[in-house]
Amino acid sequence: TLGDALRLALQYPALLGTVFKLRLLDDGQRVWLSASDYHDSAALGAFNAEFCLVSLKIICDDLLGCPLPLLGARFEHARPGYHALYDGAFQCAIGFDAEDNAFAFERRWLDMPLPLADPITHKAMSERCRRLNLEFTGRQAWLGRIRQLLAQQLDAAPGLEGLARQMNCSSRTLRRHLQALGSSYQQLLDELRFERAKQLLADEQMPIYRIAETLGFSETASFRHAFQRWSGVAPSHFRG
């Protein structure tokens, strides 16, 4: 059923690649498919909410083999100037400035059989999802440990070889795992330095040369060039 499919998907949020927490909220009469707890760029909040709900609606339509009639939809962001375009995507009443991003449908749709449902395929794919989720979450935990180690030594970065020793693996293994995650040692180091630089620049009493030293730059000019590359503006302009 549609309910079985949605509940299975929500068991493995890491595999969905979403920047929201997804939930099914059932009030007994209707069900809200909710996306909340956004954790990405604030500037992209409205876009990501729109992308998420439209994608979920399309997935439901594809699973059912017909359009899922909606009873309503709501968004956390304020009503945009192009709000009339929402009607074409959702074809229901739309609300804004809500507590979450969600759309509602009649509860009976959860019990609707899926036209392409197959017990054998379902069993095989459920097991595959379980294995992939374990692998992915394990990699994310591993990446979190690397970020933690690097963040603790930004003033004297250990280099790829040194970090590999701290992770009890070879530099080749470390490089391969980072590549599998779409990253690299230098990319992680730059990301962490940029995050820390923005925090330190918020303290207007801290000289820029001290910030450069704290982040492991031997010369202030090198830090200025790096920050310009990361943000598009000089540290002094970022500080305002």
C-alpha atoms as a PDB file:
ATOM      1  CA  THR A   1       0.000   0.000   0.000  1.00  0.00           C
ATOM      2  CA  LEU A   2       0.985   3.644  -0.206  1.00  0.00           C
ATOM      3  CA  GLY A   3       1.279   3.705   3.584  1.00  0.00           C
ATOM      4  CA  ASP A   4       3.676   0.748   3.555  1.00  0.00           C
ATOM      5  CA  ALA A   5       5.857   2.437   0.942  1.00  0.00           C
ATOM      6  CA  LEU A   6       5.997   5.777   2.759  1.00  0.00           C
ATOM      7  CA  ARG A   7       6.714   4.210   6.145  1.00  0.00           C
ATOM      8  CA  LEU A   8       9.523   2.138   4.645  1.00  0.00           C
ATOM      9  CA  ALA A   9      11.080   5.233   3.085  1.00  0.00           C
ATOM     10  CA  LEU A  10      10.867   7.184   6.348  1.00  0.00           C
ATOM     11  CA  GLN A  11      12.762   4.421   8.165  1.00  0.00           C
ATOM     12  CA  TYR A  12      15.889   5.377   6.222  1.00  0.00           C
ATOM     13  CA  PRO A  13      16.163   9.196   6.176  1.00  0.00           C
ATOM     14  CA  ALA A  14      19.879   9.062   5.372  1.00  0.00           C
ATOM     15  CA  LEU A  15      19.100   7.427   2.017  1.00  0.00           C
ATOM     16  CA  LEU A  16      16.539  10.072   1.073  1.00  0.00           C
ATOM     17  CA  GLY A  17      19.175  12.793   0.862  1.00  0.00           C
ATOM     18  CA  THR A  18      16.785  15.387   2.248  1.00  0.00           C
ATOM     19  CA  VAL A  19      17.640  18.409   4.398  1.00  0.00           C
ATOM     20  CA  PHE A  20      14.424  17.997   6.401  1.00  0.00           C
ATOM     21  CA  LYS A  21      13.037  15.588   8.961  1.00  0.00           C
ATOM     22  CA  LEU A  22      10.163  13.780   7.233  1.00  0.00           C
ATOM     23  CA  ARG A  23       7.153  12.466   9.153  1.00  0.00           C
ATOM     24  CA  LEU A  24       3.643  11.146   8.580  1.00  0.00           C
ATOM     25  CA  LEU A  25       1.229  12.967  10.898  1.00  0.00           C
ATOM     26  CA  ASP A  26      -2.097  11.120  11.132  1.00  0.00           C
ATOM     27  CA  ASP A  27      -5.025  12.877  12.842  1.00  0.00           C
ATOM     28  CA  GLY A  28      -7.464  10.048  12.090  1.00  0.00           C
ATOM     29  CA  GLN A  29      -9.237  11.832   9.249  1.00  0.00           C
ATOM     30  CA  ARG A  30      -6.377  13.014   7.099  1.00  0.00           C
ATOM     31  CA  VAL A  31      -2.638  12.537   6.913  1.00  0.00           C
ATOM     32  CA  TRP A  32       0.031  15.224   6.637  1.00  0.00           C
ATOM     33  CA  LEU A  33       3.332  14.330   4.992  1.00  0.00           C
ATOM     34  CA  SER A  34       5.521  16.782   6.876  1.00  0.00           C
ATOM     35  CA  ALA A  35       9.021  18.171   6.283  1.00  0.00           C
ATOM     36  CA  SER A  36      10.438  20.072   9.265  1.00  0.00           C
ATOM     37  CA  ASP A  37      13.679  20.775  11.183  1.00  0.00           C
ATOM     38  CA  TYR A  38      15.431  22.256   8.141  1.00  0.00           C
ATOM     39  CA  HIS A  39      19.238  22.084   8.376  1.00  0.00           C
ATOM     40  CA  ASP A  40      20.809  23.806   5.402  1.00  0.00           C
ATOM     41  CA  SER A  41      21.379  27.304   4.019  1.00  0.00           C
ATOM     42  CA  ALA A  42      18.739  29.761   5.234  1.00  0.00           C
ATOM     43  CA  ALA A  43      18.905  31.538   1.881  1.00  0.00           C
ATOM     44  CA  LEU A  44      17.758  28.332   0.163  1.00  0.00           C
ATOM     45  CA  GLY A  45      15.044  27.481   2.694  1.00  0.00           C
ATOM     46  CA  ALA A  46      12.044  28.316   0.515  1.00  0.00           C
ATOM     47  CA  PHE A  47      13.547  26.644  -2.553  1.00  0.00           C
ATOM     48  CA  ASN A  48      14.376  23.459  -0.648  1.00  0.00           C
ATOM     49  CA  ALA A  49      10.897  23.315   0.906  1.00  0.00           C
ATOM     50  CA  GLU A  50       9.272  23.675  -2.514  1.00  0.00           C
ATOM     51  CA  PHE A  51      11.611  21.108  -4.044  1.00  0.00           C
ATOM     52  CA  CYS A  52      10.989  18.645  -1.209  1.00  0.00           C
ATOM     53  CA  LEU A  53       7.180  18.787  -1.251  1.00  0.00           C
ATOM     54  CA  VAL A  54       6.881  18.771  -5.038  1.00  0.00           C
ATOM     55  CA  SER A  55       9.224  15.766  -5.174  1.00  0.00           C
ATOM     56  CA  LEU A  56       7.219  13.913  -2.517  1.00  0.00           C
ATOM     57  CA  LYS A  57       3.984  14.632  -4.385  1.00  0.00           C
ATOM     58  CA  ILE A  58       5.441  13.271  -7.632  1.00  0.00           C
ATOM     59  CA  ILE A  59       6.689  10.152  -5.833  1.00  0.00           C
ATOM     60  CA  CYS A  60       3.223   9.517  -4.376  1.00  0.00           C
ATOM     61  CA  ASP A  61       1.613   9.997  -7.795  1.00  0.00           C
ATOM     62  CA  ASP A  62       4.072   7.569  -9.391  1.00  0.00           C
ATOM     63  CA  LEU A  63       3.536   4.947  -6.697  1.00  0.00           C
ATOM     64  CA  LEU A  64      -0.239   5.146  -7.024  1.00  0.00           C
ATOM     65  CA  GLY A  65      -0.277   5.347 -10.803  1.00  0.00           C
ATOM     66  CA  CYS A  66      -2.603   8.355 -10.546  1.00  0.00           C
ATOM     67  CA  PRO A  67      -2.550  11.847  -9.001  1.00  0.00           C
ATOM     68  CA  LEU A  68      -2.901  11.913  -5.213  1.00  0.00           C
ATOM     69  CA  PRO A  69      -5.674  14.453  -4.425  1.00  0.00           C
ATOM     70  CA  LEU A  70      -4.504  16.896  -1.772  1.00  0.00           C
ATOM     71  CA  LEU A  71      -6.639  18.534   0.903  1.00  0.00           C
ATOM     72  CA  GLY A  72      -4.157  21.297   1.638  1.00  0.00           C
ATOM     73  CA  ALA A  73      -0.510  22.299   1.739  1.00  0.00           C
ATOM     74  CA  ARG A  74       1.477  24.622   3.966  1.00  0.00           C
ATOM     75  CA  PHE A  75       4.942  26.156   4.060  1.00  0.00           C
ATOM     76  CA  GLU A  76       7.117  27.661   6.768  1.00  0.00           C
ATOM     77  CA  HIS A  77       8.249  30.594   4.625  1.00  0.00           C
ATOM     78  CA  ALA A  78       6.285  33.744   3.860  1.00  0.00           C
ATOM     79  CA  ARG A  79       4.081  33.880   0.777  1.00  0.00           C
ATOM     80  CA  PRO A  80       6.323  34.613  -2.227  1.00  0.00           C
ATOM     81  CA  GLY A  81       5.440  36.888  -5.100  1.00  0.00           C
ATOM     82  CA  TYR A  82       5.036  33.880  -7.396  1.00  0.00           C
ATOM     83  CA  HIS A  83       2.611  32.084  -5.049  1.00  0.00           C
ATOM     84  CA  ALA A  84       0.085  31.566  -7.868  1.00  0.00           C
ATOM     85  CA  LEU A  85       2.436  28.948  -9.347  1.00  0.00           C
ATOM     86  CA  TYR A  86       1.862  26.732  -6.307  1.00  0.00           C
ATOM     87  CA  ASP A  87      -1.677  26.034  -7.521  1.00  0.00           C
ATOM     88  CA  GLY A  88      -0.399  24.155 -10.549  1.00  0.00           C
ATOM     89  CA  ALA A  89       1.837  21.908  -8.455  1.00  0.00           C
ATOM     90  CA  PHE A  90      -0.520  21.127  -5.568  1.00  0.00           C
ATOM     91  CA  GLN A  91      -4.053  22.018  -6.746  1.00  0.00           C
ATOM     92  CA  CYS A  92      -5.300  22.692  -3.221  1.00  0.00           C
ATOM     93  CA  ALA A  93      -5.471  25.467  -0.641  1.00  0.00           C
ATOM     94  CA  ILE A  94      -1.985  26.747   0.242  1.00  0.00           C
ATOM     95  CA  GLY A  95      -0.901  28.302   3.548  1.00  0.00           C
ATOM     96  CA  PHE A  96       2.297  30.127   4.467  1.00  0.00           C
ATOM     97  CA  ASP A  97       4.131  31.105   7.673  1.00  0.00           C
ATOM     98  CA  ALA A  98       3.274  27.641   9.004  1.00  0.00           C
ATOM     99  CA  GLU A  99       5.004  25.541  11.664  1.00  0.00           C
ATOM    100  CA  ASP A 100       6.286  23.080   9.060  1.00  0.00           C
ATOM    101  CA  ASN A 101       6.172  22.260   5.364  1.00  0.00           C
ATOM    102  CA  ALA A 102       3.529  19.648   4.588  1.00  0.00           C
ATOM    103  CA  PHE A 103       0.675  18.503   2.402  1.00  0.00           C
ATOM    104  CA  ALA A 104      -2.448  16.619   3.476  1.00  0.00           C
ATOM    105  CA  PHE A 105      -4.539  13.878   1.908  1.00  0.00           C
ATOM    106  CA  GLU A 106      -7.401  11.621   2.991  1.00  0.00           C
ATOM    107  CA  ARG A 107      -6.309   8.846   5.316  1.00  0.00           C
ATOM    108  CA  ARG A 108      -7.852   6.168   3.089  1.00  0.00           C
ATOM    109  CA  TRP A 109      -5.077   6.689   0.550  1.00  0.00           C
ATOM    110  CA  LEU A 110      -2.589   5.081   2.943  1.00  0.00           C
ATOM    111  CA  ASP A 111      -4.444   1.783   2.484  1.00  0.00           C
ATOM    112  CA  MET A 112      -4.518   2.040  -1.306  1.00  0.00           C
ATOM    113  CA  PRO A 113      -2.758  -0.932  -2.992  1.00  0.00           C
ATOM    114  CA  LEU A 114       0.068   0.011  -5.327  1.00  0.00           C
ATOM    115  CA  PRO A 115      -0.399  -1.211  -8.917  1.00  0.00           C
ATOM    116  CA  LEU A 116       3.238  -2.300  -9.275  1.00  0.00           C
ATOM    117  CA  ALA A 117       3.606  -3.831  -5.805  1.00  0.00           C
ATOM    118  CA  ASP A 118       5.542  -7.108  -5.749  1.00  0.00           C
ATOM    119  CA  PRO A 119       6.263  -8.997  -2.486  1.00  0.00           C
ATOM    120  CA  ILE A 120       9.534 -10.522  -3.713  1.00  0.00           C
ATOM    121  CA  THR A 121      10.922  -7.206  -4.939  1.00  0.00           C
ATOM    122  CA  HIS A 122       9.727  -5.489  -1.753  1.00  0.00           C
ATOM    123  CA  LYS A 123      11.575  -7.978   0.438  1.00  0.00           C
ATOM    124  CA  ALA A 124      14.784  -7.713  -1.591  1.00  0.00           C
ATOM    125  CA  MET A 125      14.742  -3.909  -1.717  1.00  0.00           C
ATOM    126  CA  SER A 126      13.907  -3.609   1.989  1.00  0.00           C
ATOM    127  CA  GLU A 127      17.016  -5.631   2.804  1.00  0.00           C
ATOM    128  CA  ARG A 128      19.083  -3.571   0.376  1.00  0.00           C
ATOM    129  CA  CYS A 129      17.872  -0.360   2.031  1.00  0.00           C
ATOM    130  CA  ARG A 130      18.830  -1.747   5.430  1.00  0.00           C
ATOM    131  CA  ARG A 131      22.367  -2.583   4.262  1.00  0.00           C
ATOM    132  CA  LEU A 132      22.866   0.710   2.427  1.00  0.00           C
ATOM    133  CA  ASN A 133      21.640   2.653   5.439  1.00  0.00           C
ATOM    134  CA  LEU A 134      24.155   0.926   7.705  1.00  0.00           C
ATOM    135  CA  GLU A 135      26.942   1.604   5.224  1.00  0.00           C
ATOM    136  CA  PHE A 136      25.985   5.235   4.672  1.00  0.00           C
ATOM    137  CA  THR A 137      25.474   6.123   8.326  1.00  0.00           C
ATOM    138  CA  GLY A 138      28.767   4.395   9.123  1.00  0.00           C
ATOM    139  CA  ARG A 139      30.540   6.567   6.563  1.00  0.00           C
ATOM    140  CA  GLN A 140      28.882   9.688   7.933  1.00  0.00           C
ATOM    141  CA  ALA A 141      30.017   8.808  11.464  1.00  0.00           C
ATOM    142  CA  TRP A 142      33.529   8.222  10.125  1.00  0.00           C
ATOM    143  CA  LEU A 143      33.468  11.587   8.336  1.00  0.00           C
ATOM    144  CA  GLY A 144      32.251  13.236  11.526  1.00  0.00           C
ATOM    145  CA  ARG A 145      35.249  11.830  13.393  1.00  0.00           C
ATOM    146  CA  ILE A 146      37.628  13.229  10.757  1.00  0.00           C
ATOM    147  CA  ARG A 147      36.017  16.663  10.959  1.00  0.00           C
ATOM    148  CA  GLN A 148      36.264  16.562  14.741  1.00  0.00           C
ATOM    149  CA  LEU A 149      39.975  15.725  14.649  1.00  0.00           C
ATOM    150  CA  LEU A 150      40.756  18.422  12.095  1.00  0.00           C
ATOM    151  CA  ALA A 151      38.708  21.050  13.928  1.00  0.00           C
ATOM    152  CA  GLN A 152      40.799  20.467  17.054  1.00  0.00           C
ATOM    153  CA  GLN A 153      44.071  21.235  15.268  1.00  0.00           C
ATOM    154  CA  LEU A 154      43.374  23.961  12.726  1.00  0.00           C
ATOM    155  CA  ASP A 155      46.348  25.939  14.006  1.00  0.00           C
ATOM    156  CA  ALA A 156      48.665  23.051  13.081  1.00  0.00           C
ATOM    157  CA  ALA A 157      46.891  20.857  10.549  1.00  0.00           C
ATOM    158  CA  PRO A 158      48.359  17.330  10.559  1.00  0.00           C
ATOM    159  CA  GLY A 159      48.349  16.808   6.797  1.00  0.00           C
ATOM    160  CA  LEU A 160      46.913  13.772   5.070  1.00  0.00           C
ATOM    161  CA  GLU A 161      49.590  11.424   6.424  1.00  0.00           C
ATOM    162  CA  GLY A 162      49.239  12.677   9.988  1.00  0.00           C
ATOM    163  CA  LEU A 163      45.455  12.518   9.903  1.00  0.00           C
ATOM    164  CA  ALA A 164      45.610   8.967   8.539  1.00  0.00           C
ATOM    165  CA  ARG A 165      47.794   7.929  11.489  1.00  0.00           C
ATOM    166  CA  GLN A 166      45.286   9.471  13.887  1.00  0.00           C
ATOM    167  CA  MET A 167      42.511   7.508  12.151  1.00  0.00           C
ATOM    168  CA  ASN A 168      44.606   4.305  12.317  1.00  0.00           C
ATOM    169  CA  CYS A 169      44.648   3.790   8.579  1.00  0.00           C
ATOM    170  CA  SER A 170      46.936   4.435   5.623  1.00  0.00           C
ATOM    171  CA  SER A 171      46.878   7.727   3.738  1.00  0.00           C
ATOM    172  CA  ARG A 172      45.786   5.811   0.644  1.00  0.00           C
ATOM    173  CA  THR A 173      42.794   4.351   2.491  1.00  0.00           C
ATOM    174  CA  LEU A 174      41.881   7.743   3.929  1.00  0.00           C
ATOM    175  CA  ARG A 175      42.077   9.387   0.509  1.00  0.00           C
ATOM    176  CA  ARG A 176      39.942   6.646  -1.051  1.00  0.00           C
ATOM    177  CA  HIS A 177      37.240   6.918   1.622  1.00  0.00           C
ATOM    178  CA  LEU A 178      37.122  10.693   1.313  1.00  0.00           C
ATOM    179  CA  GLN A 179      36.804  10.422  -2.458  1.00  0.00           C
ATOM    180  CA  ALA A 180      33.905   7.988  -1.998  1.00  0.00           C
ATOM    181  CA  LEU A 181      32.213  10.673   0.100  1.00  0.00           C
ATOM    182  CA  GLY A 182      32.841  13.289  -2.584  1.00  0.00           C
ATOM    183  CA  SER A 183      35.439  15.106  -0.529  1.00  0.00           C
ATOM    184  CA  SER A 184      39.170  15.418   0.089  1.00  0.00           C
ATOM    185  CA  TYR A 185      41.527  16.342   2.906  1.00  0.00           C
ATOM    186  CA  GLN A 186      42.048  19.871   1.573  1.00  0.00           C
ATOM    187  CA  GLN A 187      38.340  20.412   0.989  1.00  0.00           C
ATOM    188  CA  LEU A 188      37.495  19.416   4.567  1.00  0.00           C
ATOM    189  CA  LEU A 189      40.289  21.585   5.941  1.00  0.00           C
ATOM    190  CA  ASP A 190      39.091  24.575   3.915  1.00  0.00           C
ATOM    191  CA  GLU A 191      35.480  24.061   5.037  1.00  0.00           C
ATOM    192  CA  LEU A 192      36.470  23.922   8.707  1.00  0.00           C
ATOM    193  CA  ARG A 193      38.804  26.901   8.419  1.00  0.00           C
ATOM    194  CA  PHE A 194      36.085  28.920   6.703  1.00  0.00           C
ATOM    195  CA  GLU A 195      33.518  28.051   9.379  1.00  0.00           C
ATOM    196  CA  ARG A 196      35.950  28.986  12.157  1.00  0.00           C
ATOM    197  CA  ALA A 197      37.079  32.147  10.357  1.00  0.00           C
ATOM    198  CA  LYS A 198      33.501  33.443  10.202  1.00  0.00           C
ATOM    199  CA  GLN A 199      33.104  32.823  13.924  1.00  0.00           C
ATOM    200  CA  LEU A 200      36.349  34.615  14.771  1.00  0.00           C
ATOM    201  CA  LEU A 201      35.610  37.559  12.486  1.00  0.00           C
ATOM    202  CA  ALA A 202      32.434  38.168  14.473  1.00  0.00           C
ATOM    203  CA  ASP A 203      34.718  39.267  17.326  1.00  0.00           C
ATOM    204  CA  GLU A 204      35.733  42.718  16.119  1.00  0.00           C
ATOM    205  CA  GLN A 205      38.391  42.970  18.828  1.00  0.00           C
ATOM    206  CA  MET A 206      40.420  40.102  17.376  1.00  0.00           C
ATOM    207  CA  PRO A 207      43.002  41.297  14.810  1.00  0.00           C
ATOM    208  CA  ILE A 208      42.964  39.575  11.456  1.00  0.00           C
ATOM    209  CA  TYR A 209      46.601  38.519  11.837  1.00  0.00           C
ATOM    210  CA  ARG A 210      45.652  36.638  15.023  1.00  0.00           C
ATOM    211  CA  ILE A 211      42.797  34.924  13.190  1.00  0.00           C
ATOM    212  CA  ALA A 212      45.250  33.868  10.489  1.00  0.00           C
ATOM    213  CA  GLU A 213      47.573  32.381  13.130  1.00  0.00           C
ATOM    214  CA  THR A 214      44.699  30.579  14.862  1.00  0.00           C
ATOM    215  CA  LEU A 215      43.746  28.946  11.568  1.00  0.00           C
ATOM    216  CA  GLY A 216      47.282  27.789  10.814  1.00  0.00           C
ATOM    217  CA  PHE A 217      48.289  30.373   8.206  1.00  0.00           C
ATOM    218  CA  SER A 218      51.926  31.443   8.386  1.00  0.00           C
ATOM    219  CA  GLU A 219      51.149  34.754   6.677  1.00  0.00           C
ATOM    220  CA  THR A 220      48.152  37.056   6.980  1.00  0.00           C
ATOM    221  CA  ALA A 221      48.176  37.578   3.214  1.00  0.00           C
ATOM    222  CA  SER A 222      47.673  33.847   2.665  1.00  0.00           C
ATOM    223  CA  PHE A 223      44.630  33.908   4.934  1.00  0.00           C
ATOM    224  CA  ARG A 224      43.223  36.945   3.124  1.00  0.00           C
ATOM    225  CA  HIS A 225      43.573  35.201  -0.245  1.00  0.00           C
ATOM    226  CA  ALA A 226      42.023  31.996   1.097  1.00  0.00           C
ATOM    227  CA  PHE A 227      39.065  33.814   2.660  1.00  0.00           C
ATOM    228  CA  GLN A 228      38.507  35.738  -0.566  1.00  0.00           C
ATOM    229  CA  ARG A 229      38.407  32.405  -2.408  1.00  0.00           C
ATOM    230  CA  TRP A 230      35.979  30.873   0.089  1.00  0.00           C
ATOM    231  CA  SER A 231      33.550  33.765   0.423  1.00  0.00           C
ATOM    232  CA  GLY A 232      34.140  36.095  -2.506  1.00  0.00           C
ATOM    233  CA  VAL A 233      34.974  39.015  -0.195  1.00  0.00           C
ATOM    234  CA  ALA A 234      37.963  40.073   1.882  1.00  0.00           C
ATOM    235  CA  PRO A 235      37.912  39.348   5.644  1.00  0.00           C
ATOM    236  CA  SER A 236      37.656  43.063   6.437  1.00  0.00           C
ATOM    237  CA  HIS A 237      34.617  43.433   4.160  1.00  0.00           C
ATOM    238  CA  PHE A 238      32.982  40.347   5.660  1.00  0.00           C
ATOM    239  CA  ARG A 239      33.458  41.838   9.101  1.00  0.00           C
ATOM    240  CA  GLY A 240      31.858  45.053   7.836  1.00  0.00           C
END
